[in-house]
Amino acid sequence: MNSQEDHASGSPRPAGQKETAQDLSSTHVTHVREDVAMAGRCANVHLPTGRTCTLPVRHPGSCNFVGPEDAEDVAVH
């Protein structure tokens, strides 16, 4: 994000100021499937489809969402 751009409060952010975890959590809401996350996977859930990412946790790039049956195969029980 450019330091001159507006942030959540509507005012420009001073140069060099980092976003805190609290700032990020209000703008980036994720839903995680806990049983898949316990297996060391990304486990982000695409809410409109219910599909789950089974790539390794903190993987580079975009998620690769699979159906619930496939996610169940990697889930920790």
N, C-alpha and C. Protein backbone atom coordinates (compact mmCIF):
# COMPACT_ATOMS: atom_id res chain seq x y z
N MET A 1 0.84 -1.16 0.00
CA MET A 1 0.00 0.00 0.00
C MET A 1 0.89 1.23 0.00
N ASN A 2 0.59 2.17 -0.82
CA ASN A 2 1.33 3.41 -0.88
C ASN A 2 1.08 4.23 0.37
N SER A 3 2.10 4.83 0.93
CA SER A 3 1.95 5.58 2.19
C SER A 3 1.06 6.80 2.02
N GLN A 4 0.83 7.24 0.81
CA GLN A 4 -0.02 8.40 0.57
C GLN A 4 -1.48 8.02 0.39
N GLU A 5 -1.78 6.73 0.24
CA GLU A 5 -3.16 6.30 0.06
C GLU A 5 -3.91 6.35 1.37
N ASP A 6 -5.24 6.45 1.26
CA ASP A 6 -6.08 6.45 2.45
C ASP A 6 -6.12 5.05 3.04
N HIS A 7 -6.22 4.95 4.37
CA HIS A 7 -6.41 3.65 5.01
C HIS A 7 -7.78 3.64 5.67
N ALA A 8 -8.07 2.64 6.44
CA ALA A 8 -9.41 2.38 6.97
C ALA A 8 -10.05 3.58 7.65
N SER A 9 -9.29 4.44 8.33
CA SER A 9 -9.89 5.56 9.05
C SER A 9 -10.22 6.72 8.12
N GLY A 10 -9.77 6.67 6.86
CA GLY A 10 -10.08 7.71 5.91
C GLY A 10 -9.02 8.79 5.80
N SER A 11 -8.01 8.76 6.67
CA SER A 11 -6.95 9.76 6.59
C SER A 11 -5.67 9.09 6.10
N PRO A 12 -4.78 9.87 5.48
CA PRO A 12 -3.54 9.26 4.98
C PRO A 12 -2.69 8.71 6.12
N ARG A 13 -2.02 7.59 5.87
CA ARG A 13 -1.15 6.97 6.86
C ARG A 13 0.22 7.63 6.76
N PRO A 14 0.81 7.99 7.88
CA PRO A 14 2.16 8.56 7.85
C PRO A 14 3.15 7.57 7.26
N ALA A 15 4.13 8.08 6.53
CA ALA A 15 5.15 7.22 5.91
C ALA A 15 5.88 6.43 6.98
N GLY A 16 6.08 5.14 6.72
CA GLY A 16 6.83 4.30 7.64
C GLY A 16 5.99 3.65 8.73
N GLN A 17 4.74 4.01 8.87
CA GLN A 17 3.90 3.39 9.91
C GLN A 17 3.44 2.02 9.42
N LYS A 18 3.63 1.01 10.25
CA LYS A 18 3.22 -0.34 9.89
C LYS A 18 1.84 -0.61 10.43
N GLU A 19 1.09 -1.46 9.70
CA GLU A 19 -0.22 -1.87 10.18
C GLU A 19 -0.05 -2.87 11.30
N THR A 20 -0.85 -2.75 12.33
CA THR A 20 -0.82 -3.71 13.42
C THR A 20 -1.71 -4.89 13.08
N ALA A 21 -1.60 -5.97 13.84
CA ALA A 21 -2.44 -7.14 13.62
C ALA A 21 -3.91 -6.76 13.75
N GLN A 22 -4.22 -5.86 14.66
CA GLN A 22 -5.61 -5.43 14.84
C GLN A 22 -6.11 -4.73 13.58
N ASP A 23 -5.30 -3.89 12.95
CA ASP A 23 -5.68 -3.21 11.73
C ASP A 23 -5.96 -4.22 10.62
N LEU A 24 -5.08 -5.21 10.49
CA LEU A 24 -5.24 -6.22 9.45
C LEU A 24 -6.46 -7.09 9.68
N SER A 25 -6.73 -7.44 10.92
CA SER A 25 -7.85 -8.34 11.17
C SER A 25 -9.18 -7.71 10.82
N SER A 26 -9.28 -6.40 10.88
CA SER A 26 -10.54 -5.76 10.55
C SER A 26 -10.78 -5.68 9.05
N THR A 27 -9.73 -5.83 8.25
CA THR A 27 -9.89 -5.73 6.80
C THR A 27 -9.69 -7.05 6.08
N HIS A 28 -9.17 -8.05 6.75
CA HIS A 28 -8.90 -9.33 6.12
C HIS A 28 -9.49 -10.45 6.96
N VAL A 29 -10.73 -10.77 6.69
CA VAL A 29 -11.42 -11.80 7.46
C VAL A 29 -11.33 -13.11 6.68
N THR A 30 -10.80 -14.13 7.33
CA THR A 30 -10.73 -15.44 6.70
C THR A 30 -11.50 -16.45 7.53
N HIS A 31 -11.94 -17.48 6.88
CA HIS A 31 -12.59 -18.59 7.56
C HIS A 31 -11.75 -19.82 7.31
N VAL A 32 -11.38 -20.49 8.38
CA VAL A 32 -10.46 -21.62 8.31
C VAL A 32 -11.14 -22.86 8.83
N ARG A 33 -10.93 -23.94 8.14
CA ARG A 33 -11.43 -25.24 8.58
C ARG A 33 -10.39 -25.84 9.52
N GLU A 34 -10.72 -25.90 10.81
CA GLU A 34 -9.74 -26.27 11.83
C GLU A 34 -9.15 -27.67 11.64
N ASP A 35 -9.96 -28.64 11.25
CA ASP A 35 -9.43 -30.01 11.10
C ASP A 35 -8.39 -30.08 10.00
N VAL A 36 -8.57 -29.31 8.94
CA VAL A 36 -7.59 -29.28 7.85
C VAL A 36 -6.35 -28.49 8.28
N ALA A 37 -6.53 -27.41 9.02
CA ALA A 37 -5.41 -26.61 9.52
C ALA A 37 -4.52 -27.43 10.44
N MET A 38 -5.10 -28.30 11.25
CA MET A 38 -4.32 -29.14 12.15
C MET A 38 -3.41 -30.11 11.39
N ALA A 39 -3.71 -30.34 10.12
CA ALA A 39 -2.88 -31.20 9.28
C ALA A 39 -1.75 -30.42 8.60
N GLY A 40 -1.59 -29.13 8.97
CA GLY A 40 -0.53 -28.32 8.40
C GLY A 40 -0.87 -27.73 7.05
N ARG A 41 -2.15 -27.64 6.76
CA ARG A 41 -2.59 -27.10 5.48
C ARG A 41 -3.14 -25.70 5.64
N CYS A 42 -3.26 -24.97 4.56
CA CYS A 42 -3.77 -23.60 4.55
C CYS A 42 -5.16 -23.53 5.18
N ALA A 43 -6.08 -24.33 4.70
CA ALA A 43 -7.42 -24.52 5.25
C ALA A 43 -8.35 -23.32 5.12
N ASN A 44 -7.99 -22.32 4.29
CA ASN A 44 -8.92 -21.23 4.03
C ASN A 44 -10.14 -21.78 3.32
N VAL A 45 -11.32 -21.29 3.70
CA VAL A 45 -12.58 -21.76 3.11
C VAL A 45 -13.14 -20.67 2.21
N HIS A 46 -13.49 -21.04 0.99
CA HIS A 46 -14.17 -20.13 0.06
C HIS A 46 -15.65 -20.22 0.40
N LEU A 47 -16.16 -19.20 1.09
CA LEU A 47 -17.50 -19.26 1.65
C LEU A 47 -18.62 -19.48 0.62
N PRO A 48 -18.58 -18.84 -0.55
CA PRO A 48 -19.69 -19.07 -1.48
C PRO A 48 -19.82 -20.53 -1.94
N THR A 49 -18.70 -21.26 -2.00
CA THR A 49 -18.76 -22.64 -2.50
C THR A 49 -18.54 -23.69 -1.43
N GLY A 50 -17.97 -23.29 -0.29
CA GLY A 50 -17.66 -24.26 0.76
C GLY A 50 -16.41 -25.07 0.48
N ARG A 51 -15.66 -24.69 -0.55
CA ARG A 51 -14.43 -25.41 -0.89
C ARG A 51 -13.29 -24.95 0.00
N THR A 52 -12.30 -25.83 0.23
CA THR A 52 -11.21 -25.58 1.17
C THR A 52 -9.87 -25.70 0.46
N CYS A 53 -8.92 -24.82 0.83
CA CYS A 53 -7.57 -24.89 0.28
C CYS A 53 -6.78 -25.93 1.07
N THR A 54 -6.20 -26.89 0.36
CA THR A 54 -5.41 -27.94 1.01
C THR A 54 -3.91 -27.82 0.72
N LEU A 55 -3.50 -26.66 0.20
CA LEU A 55 -2.06 -26.43 0.00
C LEU A 55 -1.39 -26.28 1.36
N PRO A 56 -0.07 -26.42 1.42
CA PRO A 56 0.62 -26.26 2.71
C PRO A 56 0.38 -24.87 3.31
N VAL A 57 0.42 -24.79 4.63
CA VAL A 57 0.22 -23.53 5.32
C VAL A 57 1.25 -22.50 4.84
N ARG A 58 0.85 -21.25 4.71
CA ARG A 58 1.69 -20.14 4.22
C ARG A 58 2.25 -20.37 2.84
N HIS A 59 1.50 -21.04 1.99
CA HIS A 59 1.95 -21.30 0.62
C HIS A 59 2.02 -20.00 -0.17
N PRO A 60 2.92 -19.94 -1.16
CA PRO A 60 2.98 -18.75 -2.01
C PRO A 60 1.83 -18.77 -3.02
N GLY A 61 1.42 -17.62 -3.45
CA GLY A 61 0.40 -17.53 -4.49
C GLY A 61 -1.01 -17.77 -3.99
N SER A 62 -1.90 -17.98 -4.92
CA SER A 62 -3.32 -18.15 -4.63
C SER A 62 -3.63 -19.52 -4.07
N CYS A 63 -4.76 -19.58 -3.39
CA CYS A 63 -5.23 -20.86 -2.85
C CYS A 63 -5.72 -21.77 -3.97
N ASN A 64 -5.67 -23.06 -3.70
CA ASN A 64 -6.22 -24.07 -4.61
C ASN A 64 -7.33 -24.78 -3.85
N PHE A 65 -8.56 -24.38 -4.11
CA PHE A 65 -9.70 -24.90 -3.36
C PHE A 65 -10.18 -26.23 -3.92
N VAL A 66 -10.47 -27.16 -3.00
CA VAL A 66 -11.00 -28.48 -3.37
C VAL A 66 -12.33 -28.69 -2.64
N GLY A 67 -13.08 -29.65 -3.12
CA GLY A 67 -14.37 -29.96 -2.53
C GLY A 67 -14.26 -30.52 -1.12
N PRO A 68 -15.36 -30.52 -0.38
CA PRO A 68 -15.35 -31.01 1.00
C PRO A 68 -14.86 -32.45 1.14
N GLU A 69 -15.15 -33.29 0.16
CA GLU A 69 -14.71 -34.70 0.25
C GLU A 69 -13.20 -34.80 0.20
N ASP A 70 -12.59 -34.02 -0.70
CA ASP A 70 -11.13 -34.03 -0.83
C ASP A 70 -10.46 -33.42 0.40
N ALA A 71 -11.05 -32.37 0.95
CA ALA A 71 -10.50 -31.74 2.16
C ALA A 71 -10.59 -32.72 3.33
N GLU A 72 -11.64 -33.49 3.38
CA GLU A 72 -11.82 -34.48 4.45
C GLU A 72 -10.69 -35.49 4.43
N ASP A 73 -10.17 -35.82 3.24
CA ASP A 73 -9.08 -36.78 3.11
C ASP A 73 -7.79 -36.31 3.79
N VAL A 74 -7.57 -34.98 3.87
CA VAL A 74 -6.34 -34.47 4.49
C VAL A 74 -6.56 -33.99 5.91
N ALA A 75 -7.81 -33.98 6.36
CA ALA A 75 -8.13 -33.47 7.69
C ALA A 75 -7.63 -34.40 8.79
N VAL A 76 -7.28 -33.80 9.93
CA VAL A 76 -6.89 -34.57 11.12
C VAL A 76 -8.15 -34.92 11.88
N HIS A 77 -8.26 -36.16 12.25
CA HIS A 77 -9.47 -36.59 12.99
C HIS A 77 -9.13 -36.93 14.41
